[in-house]
Amino acid sequence: MVFGFAATTPPATSLALAHYPGIAGTASALPGTARFAFGGPAAPLVGLALASTVLATAAFW
């Protein structure tokens, strides 16, 4: 699943930004910033909630 996500995200981002060359840098930085902004707080929550099961990982994926 991670391989598929990693393989499709760059082309999808490029296709989405192709029509907006003036703001492409800002727009491409936004998903990366959001990934770290939400991923950082989610990591301890997964550790606190049901750490022994796969349910917590699935809930925050």
N, C-alpha and C. Protein backbone atom coordinates (compact mmCIF):
# COMPACT_ATOMS: atom_id res chain seq x y z
N MET A 1 0.82 -1.18 0.00
CA MET A 1 0.00 0.00 0.00
C MET A 1 0.88 1.25 0.00
N VAL A 2 1.92 1.25 0.80
CA VAL A 2 2.81 2.41 0.86
C VAL A 2 3.52 2.60 -0.48
N PHE A 3 3.91 1.48 -1.11
CA PHE A 3 4.56 1.58 -2.42
C PHE A 3 3.63 2.24 -3.43
N GLY A 4 2.38 1.86 -3.44
CA GLY A 4 1.42 2.46 -4.37
C GLY A 4 1.22 3.94 -4.11
N PHE A 5 1.16 4.30 -2.84
CA PHE A 5 1.01 5.71 -2.48
C PHE A 5 2.23 6.51 -2.92
N ALA A 6 3.41 5.96 -2.67
CA ALA A 6 4.64 6.65 -3.05
C ALA A 6 4.82 6.74 -4.56
N ALA A 7 4.31 5.76 -5.28
CA ALA A 7 4.45 5.76 -6.73
C ALA A 7 3.44 6.67 -7.42
N THR A 8 2.29 6.91 -6.80
CA THR A 8 1.26 7.71 -7.47
C THR A 8 1.21 9.16 -7.02
N THR A 9 1.73 9.48 -5.85
CA THR A 9 1.64 10.85 -5.36
C THR A 9 2.40 11.87 -6.21
N PRO A 10 3.66 11.64 -6.58
CA PRO A 10 4.36 12.64 -7.40
C PRO A 10 3.69 12.92 -8.76
N PRO A 11 3.31 11.90 -9.53
CA PRO A 11 2.64 12.22 -10.80
C PRO A 11 1.29 12.90 -10.60
N ALA A 12 0.56 12.51 -9.58
CA ALA A 12 -0.74 13.14 -9.32
C ALA A 12 -0.57 14.61 -8.95
N THR A 13 0.44 14.90 -8.14
CA THR A 13 0.70 16.29 -7.77
C THR A 13 1.12 17.10 -8.99
N SER A 14 1.97 16.54 -9.83
CA SER A 14 2.40 17.24 -11.04
C SER A 14 1.23 17.53 -11.96
N LEU A 15 0.37 16.57 -12.14
CA LEU A 15 -0.80 16.77 -12.99
C LEU A 15 -1.74 17.83 -12.41
N ALA A 16 -1.91 17.82 -11.11
CA ALA A 16 -2.80 18.79 -10.47
C ALA A 16 -2.24 20.21 -10.57
N LEU A 17 -0.93 20.35 -10.53
CA LEU A 17 -0.32 21.69 -10.55
C LEU A 17 0.02 22.19 -11.94
N ALA A 18 -0.16 21.38 -12.95
CA ALA A 18 0.22 21.76 -14.31
C ALA A 18 -0.53 22.99 -14.80
N HIS A 19 -1.73 23.19 -14.33
CA HIS A 19 -2.54 24.33 -14.79
C HIS A 19 -2.28 25.62 -14.00
N TYR A 20 -1.47 25.54 -12.94
CA TYR A 20 -1.20 26.70 -12.09
C TYR A 20 0.30 26.89 -11.90
N PRO A 21 1.03 27.23 -12.95
CA PRO A 21 2.49 27.35 -12.82
C PRO A 21 2.93 28.49 -11.92
N GLY A 22 2.11 29.52 -11.76
CA GLY A 22 2.50 30.66 -10.94
C GLY A 22 2.54 30.36 -9.45
N ILE A 23 1.75 29.41 -9.00
CA ILE A 23 1.71 29.10 -7.57
C ILE A 23 2.10 27.65 -7.31
N ALA A 24 2.78 27.03 -8.25
CA ALA A 24 3.12 25.61 -8.13
C ALA A 24 3.99 25.32 -6.91
N GLY A 25 4.94 26.17 -6.61
CA GLY A 25 5.82 25.92 -5.46
C GLY A 25 5.07 25.96 -4.15
N THR A 26 4.23 26.97 -3.98
CA THR A 26 3.44 27.09 -2.77
C THR A 26 2.44 25.95 -2.64
N ALA A 27 1.79 25.64 -3.74
CA ALA A 27 0.78 24.59 -3.71
C ALA A 27 1.39 23.21 -3.48
N SER A 28 2.58 22.96 -3.98
CA SER A 28 3.20 21.65 -3.75
C SER A 28 3.75 21.53 -2.34
N ALA A 29 4.05 22.65 -1.69
CA ALA A 29 4.53 22.61 -0.31
C ALA A 29 3.40 22.34 0.68
N LEU A 30 2.18 22.67 0.31
CA LEU A 30 1.05 22.51 1.22
C LEU A 30 0.79 21.06 1.62
N PRO A 31 0.75 20.10 0.70
CA PRO A 31 0.53 18.71 1.14
C PRO A 31 1.66 18.17 2.03
N GLY A 32 2.88 18.56 1.76
CA GLY A 32 3.99 18.12 2.60
C GLY A 32 3.89 18.69 4.01
N THR A 33 3.52 19.95 4.10
CA THR A 33 3.35 20.58 5.40
C THR A 33 2.20 19.93 6.16
N ALA A 34 1.11 19.67 5.46
CA ALA A 34 -0.05 19.04 6.11
C ALA A 34 0.30 17.63 6.58
N ARG A 35 1.09 16.92 5.82
CA ARG A 35 1.48 15.55 6.20
C ARG A 35 2.22 15.57 7.54
N PHE A 36 3.16 16.50 7.70
CA PHE A 36 3.91 16.57 8.95
C PHE A 36 3.07 17.18 10.07
N ALA A 37 2.22 18.15 9.76
CA ALA A 37 1.40 18.79 10.78
C ALA A 37 0.40 17.82 11.39
N PHE A 38 -0.16 16.93 10.59
CA PHE A 38 -1.13 15.97 11.12
C PHE A 38 -0.45 14.68 11.56
N GLY A 39 0.65 14.32 10.95
CA GLY A 39 1.34 13.08 11.30
C GLY A 39 2.02 13.15 12.66
N GLY A 40 2.56 14.31 13.00
CA GLY A 40 3.22 14.46 14.29
C GLY A 40 2.29 14.24 15.47
N PRO A 41 1.17 14.93 15.53
CA PRO A 41 0.23 14.69 16.64
C PRO A 41 -0.44 13.31 16.58
N ALA A 42 -0.59 12.74 15.40
CA ALA A 42 -1.27 11.44 15.29
C ALA A 42 -0.43 10.30 15.86
N ALA A 43 0.88 10.41 15.78
CA ALA A 43 1.75 9.32 16.24
C ALA A 43 1.56 8.99 17.72
N PRO A 44 1.57 9.96 18.63
CA PRO A 44 1.33 9.60 20.03
C PRO A 44 -0.10 9.11 20.28
N LEU A 45 -1.05 9.62 19.51
CA LEU A 45 -2.43 9.16 19.68
C LEU A 45 -2.56 7.69 19.33
N VAL A 46 -1.88 7.28 18.29
CA VAL A 46 -1.90 5.87 17.91
C VAL A 46 -1.23 5.04 19.01
N GLY A 47 -0.17 5.55 19.59
CA GLY A 47 0.51 4.83 20.65
C GLY A 47 -0.33 4.70 21.92
N LEU A 48 -1.14 5.72 22.19
CA LEU A 48 -1.97 5.68 23.39
C LEU A 48 -3.24 4.84 23.20
N ALA A 49 -3.77 4.86 22.00
CA ALA A 49 -5.04 4.18 21.74
C ALA A 49 -4.79 2.82 21.10
N LEU A 50 -5.08 1.79 21.80
CA LEU A 50 -5.04 0.43 21.25
C LEU A 50 -3.70 0.08 20.60
N ALA A 51 -2.63 0.34 21.29
CA ALA A 51 -1.30 0.12 20.72
C ALA A 51 -1.03 -1.34 20.40
N SER A 52 -1.77 -2.23 20.99
CA SER A 52 -1.50 -3.65 20.75
C SER A 52 -2.30 -4.22 19.57
N THR A 53 -3.11 -3.41 18.95
CA THR A 53 -3.91 -3.90 17.83
C THR A 53 -3.64 -3.09 16.57
N VAL A 54 -4.12 -3.56 15.48
CA VAL A 54 -3.97 -2.88 14.20
C VAL A 54 -5.05 -1.80 14.05
N LEU A 55 -6.06 -1.84 14.89
CA LEU A 55 -7.17 -0.89 14.79
C LEU A 55 -6.71 0.56 14.90
N ALA A 56 -5.80 0.85 15.79
CA ALA A 56 -5.33 2.23 15.95
C ALA A 56 -4.61 2.71 14.70
N THR A 57 -3.80 1.88 14.13
CA THR A 57 -3.09 2.24 12.91
C THR A 57 -4.08 2.48 11.78
N ALA A 58 -5.06 1.64 11.65
CA ALA A 58 -6.07 1.79 10.60
C ALA A 58 -6.90 3.04 10.81
N ALA A 59 -7.20 3.38 12.05
CA ALA A 59 -8.03 4.55 12.34
C ALA A 59 -7.32 5.85 11.99
N PHE A 60 -6.01 5.90 12.18
CA PHE A 60 -5.28 7.13 11.91
C PHE A 60 -4.59 7.14 10.57
N TRP A 61 -4.75 6.11 9.77
CA TRP A 61 -4.10 6.05 8.47
C TRP A 61 -4.77 7.02 7.58
